[in-house]
């Protein structure tokens, strides 16, 4: 054991892999920065996904709470939360990192659980293929 503390849990790594795949597709279908368009009446290309409700749990992959932003607007939102809230670019107080209790959040939670199950099966198969003894073989 290396003694290093992992920077990200296995569950978060799986969620991040799902997120990066979704993000690529979503950004392609949302090419223009929403704040530039609505506040400054400009047309700038989207660089980032702004998670207006946070990134905890299923919010990381819940596109209902994503806003297409350029880097400058993302920085603006973080520096000016009061104006960002007034414009709907940040959630209300008390909602940050709190997924809504609805069917879509449940579906996304199931998706993450399914990804975790598939990873455990994949890990067990790899262990078996390496020739681990049956006593060592375990599907966690």
Protein backbone atom coordinates (compact mmCIF):
# COMPACT_ATOMS: atom_id res chain seq x y z
CA UNK A 1 0.00 0.00 0.00
CA UNK A 2 1.42 3.35 -1.04
CA UNK A 3 -0.03 5.31 1.84
CA UNK A 4 -1.48 7.93 -0.51
CA UNK A 5 -5.05 9.02 0.02
CA UNK A 6 -7.03 8.66 -3.21
CA UNK A 7 -8.00 12.00 -4.70
CA UNK A 8 -11.32 10.58 -5.90
CA UNK A 9 -13.46 7.66 -4.79
CA UNK A 10 -14.23 4.83 -7.21
CA UNK A 11 -17.87 5.95 -7.30
CA UNK A 12 -16.85 9.49 -8.19
CA UNK A 13 -14.50 8.19 -10.90
CA UNK A 14 -17.38 6.26 -12.47
CA UNK A 15 -19.67 9.29 -12.26
CA UNK A 16 -16.94 11.46 -13.81
CA UNK A 17 -16.55 9.06 -16.75
CA UNK A 18 -20.29 9.26 -17.37
CA UNK A 19 -20.22 13.04 -16.96
CA UNK A 20 -17.37 13.63 -19.43
CA UNK A 21 -19.16 11.56 -22.08
CA UNK A 22 -22.41 13.46 -21.52
CA UNK A 23 -20.62 16.82 -21.37
CA UNK A 24 -19.01 16.35 -24.78
CA UNK A 25 -22.37 15.62 -26.43
CA UNK A 26 -24.19 18.35 -24.49
CA UNK A 27 -21.64 21.07 -25.31
CA UNK A 28 -21.88 20.17 -29.01
CA UNK A 29 -25.64 20.79 -28.86
CA UNK A 30 -25.27 23.99 -26.77
CA UNK A 31 -22.51 25.88 -28.63
CA UNK A 32 -23.30 29.41 -27.42
CA UNK A 33 -22.76 30.90 -23.97
CA UNK A 34 -26.13 31.61 -22.36
CA UNK A 35 -25.00 34.50 -20.10
CA UNK A 36 -23.26 36.25 -23.02
CA UNK A 37 -26.43 36.00 -25.04
CA UNK A 38 -28.82 37.14 -22.30
CA UNK A 39 -26.75 39.70 -20.38
CA UNK A 40 -24.38 41.20 -22.92
CA UNK A 41 -26.22 40.34 -26.16
CA UNK A 42 -23.03 38.79 -27.54
CA UNK A 43 -22.40 35.48 -29.23
CA UNK A 44 -19.51 33.63 -27.60
CA UNK A 45 -18.73 29.96 -27.90
CA UNK A 46 -19.31 27.72 -24.92
CA UNK A 47 -16.19 26.48 -23.12
CA UNK A 48 -17.66 25.00 -19.94
CA UNK A 49 -20.67 23.50 -18.28
CA UNK A 50 -21.77 25.52 -15.28
CA UNK A 51 -23.55 23.35 -12.71
CA UNK A 52 -26.02 25.91 -11.38
CA UNK A 53 -27.12 23.63 -8.54
CA UNK A 54 -23.77 22.03 -7.67
CA UNK A 55 -22.04 18.77 -8.55
CA UNK A 56 -22.81 16.52 -5.59
CA UNK A 57 -24.39 13.12 -6.12
CA UNK A 58 -26.55 12.95 -9.25
CA UNK A 59 -26.25 16.70 -9.89
CA UNK A 60 -22.94 16.05 -11.65
CA UNK A 61 -24.78 14.27 -14.47
CA UNK A 62 -28.17 16.03 -14.26
CA UNK A 63 -28.22 18.21 -17.38
CA UNK A 64 -31.39 19.96 -16.19
CA UNK A 65 -29.11 22.05 -13.99
CA UNK A 66 -26.37 22.74 -16.56
CA UNK A 67 -25.80 26.10 -18.23
CA UNK A 68 -23.54 26.54 -21.28
CA UNK A 69 -20.94 29.21 -20.45
CA UNK A 70 -17.72 30.66 -21.81
CA UNK A 71 -14.77 30.81 -19.42
CA UNK A 72 -15.27 34.55 -18.73
CA UNK A 73 -18.93 34.08 -17.80
CA UNK A 74 -18.12 31.06 -15.63
CA UNK A 75 -15.67 33.23 -13.71
CA UNK A 76 -18.24 36.07 -13.57
CA UNK A 77 -20.87 33.74 -12.06
CA UNK A 78 -18.45 32.57 -9.38
CA UNK A 79 -17.38 36.14 -8.53
CA UNK A 80 -20.92 37.59 -8.59
CA UNK A 81 -23.26 35.06 -6.97
CA UNK A 82 -25.93 37.65 -6.09
CA UNK A 83 -26.39 38.74 -9.71
CA UNK A 84 -26.03 35.15 -10.92
CA UNK A 85 -28.88 34.08 -8.60
CA UNK A 86 -31.05 36.98 -9.77
CA UNK A 87 -30.52 35.87 -13.39
CA UNK A 88 -31.16 32.18 -12.64
CA UNK A 89 -27.57 31.09 -13.22
CA UNK A 90 -27.21 29.89 -9.61
CA UNK A 91 -29.76 28.09 -7.49
CA UNK A 92 -31.45 29.62 -4.49
CA UNK A 93 -29.86 29.41 -1.08
CA UNK A 94 -30.39 25.99 0.48
CA UNK A 95 -30.55 24.15 -2.85
CA UNK A 96 -26.79 24.01 -3.51
CA UNK A 97 -25.55 20.42 -3.86
CA UNK A 98 -29.02 19.17 -2.97
CA UNK A 99 -30.55 17.04 -5.75
CA UNK A 100 -34.32 17.35 -6.08
CA UNK A 101 -36.31 14.36 -4.91
CA UNK A 102 -37.96 13.53 -8.22
CA UNK A 103 -38.13 10.78 -10.83
CA UNK A 104 -35.23 12.12 -12.91
CA UNK A 105 -32.89 12.19 -9.91
CA UNK A 106 -33.95 8.64 -9.05
CA UNK A 107 -33.28 7.54 -12.65
CA UNK A 108 -29.80 9.10 -12.55
CA UNK A 109 -29.10 7.51 -9.18
CA UNK A 110 -30.06 4.12 -10.69
CA UNK A 111 -27.75 4.82 -13.64
CA UNK A 112 -24.82 5.44 -11.28
CA UNK A 113 -25.67 2.29 -9.29
CA UNK A 114 -25.81 0.27 -12.52
CA UNK A 115 -22.40 1.63 -13.55
CA UNK A 116 -21.05 0.61 -10.14
CA UNK A 117 -22.45 -2.90 -10.55
CA UNK A 118 -20.95 -3.25 -14.03
CA UNK A 119 -17.57 -2.11 -12.70
CA UNK A 120 -17.69 -4.69 -9.87
CA UNK A 121 -18.47 -7.44 -12.40
CA UNK A 122 -15.64 -6.23 -14.64
CA UNK A 123 -13.21 -6.19 -11.69
CA UNK A 124 -14.25 -9.70 -10.63
CA UNK A 125 -13.85 -10.99 -14.19
CA UNK A 126 -10.37 -9.44 -14.44
CA UNK A 127 -9.44 -11.03 -11.12
CA UNK A 128 -10.67 -14.41 -12.39
CA UNK A 129 -8.77 -14.00 -15.69
CA UNK A 130 -5.57 -13.29 -13.77
CA UNK A 131 -5.97 -16.75 -12.29
CA UNK A 132 -6.94 -15.91 -8.76
CA UNK A 133 -7.88 -18.86 -6.61
CA UNK A 134 -11.58 -19.48 -6.21
CA UNK A 135 -11.25 -18.61 -2.53
CA UNK A 136 -9.84 -15.22 -3.53
CA UNK A 137 -12.48 -14.58 -6.18
CA UNK A 138 -15.13 -12.30 -4.79
CA UNK A 139 -17.89 -10.25 -6.33
CA UNK A 140 -18.18 -7.34 -3.92
